[in-house]
């Protein structure tokens, strides 16, 4: 079971409280986790990744085991601790400004 932590506004949009638990068949990658998340919560499609390109939105970051995976390819295999549910995959809404 993969644990996903979403920012508050995406939890509200998806109608979930706390972490989202997902079954991800096969290899656990950034892409496979996001595919499973969007399949379970279709309302999130386009909020984390662009509809047309599938690329991460500019102000969204991904973390796993205290590592920033935001700039890694979407096929990057997540650490074993995430795949076993020991550690969560974290989606963060970044902020910008001065």
Protein backbone atom coordinates (compact mmCIF):
# COMPACT_ATOMS: atom_id res chain seq x y z
CA UNK A 1 0.00 0.00 0.00
CA UNK A 2 1.44 3.36 -1.06
CA UNK A 3 0.77 6.32 1.22
CA UNK A 4 0.34 9.73 -0.45
CA UNK A 5 0.27 13.02 1.42
CA UNK A 6 -1.51 15.82 -0.44
CA UNK A 7 -1.62 19.54 0.32
CA UNK A 8 -4.80 20.73 2.04
CA UNK A 9 -6.40 22.25 -1.06
CA UNK A 10 -6.04 18.99 -3.03
CA UNK A 11 -7.35 16.92 -0.11
CA UNK A 12 -10.40 19.20 -0.03
CA UNK A 13 -10.88 18.92 -3.79
CA UNK A 14 -10.62 15.11 -3.65
CA UNK A 15 -12.83 14.92 -0.57
CA UNK A 16 -10.28 13.03 1.54
CA UNK A 17 -8.93 13.46 5.03
CA UNK A 18 -5.38 12.58 5.92
CA UNK A 19 -3.24 10.38 3.73
CA UNK A 20 -4.48 8.62 0.61
CA UNK A 21 -3.64 4.91 0.45
CA UNK A 22 -3.22 3.40 -3.00
CA UNK A 23 -2.53 0.01 -4.52
CA UNK A 24 0.05 0.52 -7.25
CA UNK A 25 0.59 -2.55 -9.41
CA UNK A 26 4.04 -3.21 -10.81
CA UNK A 27 6.99 -0.92 -10.37
CA UNK A 28 6.38 2.02 -8.03
CA UNK A 29 7.40 5.17 -9.88
CA UNK A 30 6.39 8.82 -9.66
CA UNK A 31 4.21 8.28 -12.73
CA UNK A 32 2.56 5.06 -11.53
CA UNK A 33 1.67 6.64 -8.18
CA UNK A 34 0.18 9.72 -9.86
CA UNK A 35 -1.70 7.51 -12.35
CA UNK A 36 -3.21 5.51 -9.47
CA UNK A 37 -4.04 8.70 -7.56
CA UNK A 38 -5.81 10.26 -10.57
CA UNK A 39 -7.64 7.01 -11.33
CA UNK A 40 -8.99 6.86 -7.79
CA UNK A 41 -9.69 10.61 -7.59
CA UNK A 42 -10.43 11.81 -11.15
CA UNK A 43 -11.09 15.33 -9.91
CA UNK A 44 -7.32 15.66 -9.37
CA UNK A 45 -6.54 15.17 -13.08
CA UNK A 46 -4.84 18.29 -14.32
CA UNK A 47 -4.12 19.69 -10.87
CA UNK A 48 -0.78 17.95 -10.31
CA UNK A 49 0.19 17.25 -13.92
CA UNK A 50 -0.71 19.07 -17.12
CA UNK A 51 -3.54 17.33 -19.04
CA UNK A 52 -1.84 17.54 -22.44
CA UNK A 53 1.81 16.87 -21.60
CA UNK A 54 1.58 14.89 -18.36
CA UNK A 55 4.36 17.06 -16.95
CA UNK A 56 4.42 18.23 -13.33
CA UNK A 57 2.78 21.61 -12.79
CA UNK A 58 5.28 24.40 -12.11
CA UNK A 59 4.30 24.98 -8.49
CA UNK A 60 3.99 21.35 -7.43
CA UNK A 61 6.86 19.44 -5.82
CA UNK A 62 7.31 15.73 -5.04
CA UNK A 63 9.21 14.32 -2.07
CA UNK A 64 10.02 10.80 -0.89
CA UNK A 65 12.28 9.83 2.01
CA UNK A 66 13.36 13.47 2.46
CA UNK A 67 14.49 13.68 -1.19
CA UNK A 68 13.14 16.22 -3.68
CA UNK A 69 12.08 14.20 -6.74
CA UNK A 70 10.40 17.10 -8.52
CA UNK A 71 12.96 17.37 -11.32
CA UNK A 72 13.48 13.63 -11.76
CA UNK A 73 11.94 11.85 -14.78
CA UNK A 74 8.40 10.57 -14.15
CA UNK A 75 9.66 6.99 -14.54
CA UNK A 76 11.96 7.35 -11.54
CA UNK A 77 11.55 4.37 -9.23
CA UNK A 78 10.58 5.45 -5.73
CA UNK A 79 12.59 4.30 -2.69
CA UNK A 80 11.73 0.93 -1.20
CA UNK A 81 10.41 2.55 1.97
CA UNK A 82 7.73 4.30 -0.12
CA UNK A 83 6.89 1.12 -2.04
CA UNK A 84 6.30 -0.76 1.23
CA UNK A 85 4.26 2.05 2.81
CA UNK A 86 6.85 2.74 5.49
CA UNK A 87 7.34 6.30 4.17
CA UNK A 88 4.83 8.46 2.26
CA UNK A 89 5.09 10.00 -1.19
CA UNK A 90 4.50 13.69 -0.57
CA UNK A 91 2.97 16.21 -2.98
CA UNK A 92 3.60 19.81 -1.98
CA UNK A 93 2.15 22.98 -3.41
CA UNK A 94 5.17 25.29 -3.71
CA UNK A 95 4.96 29.03 -3.12
CA UNK A 96 6.65 31.87 -4.92
CA UNK A 97 6.83 35.57 -4.41
CA UNK A 98 8.79 38.14 -2.61
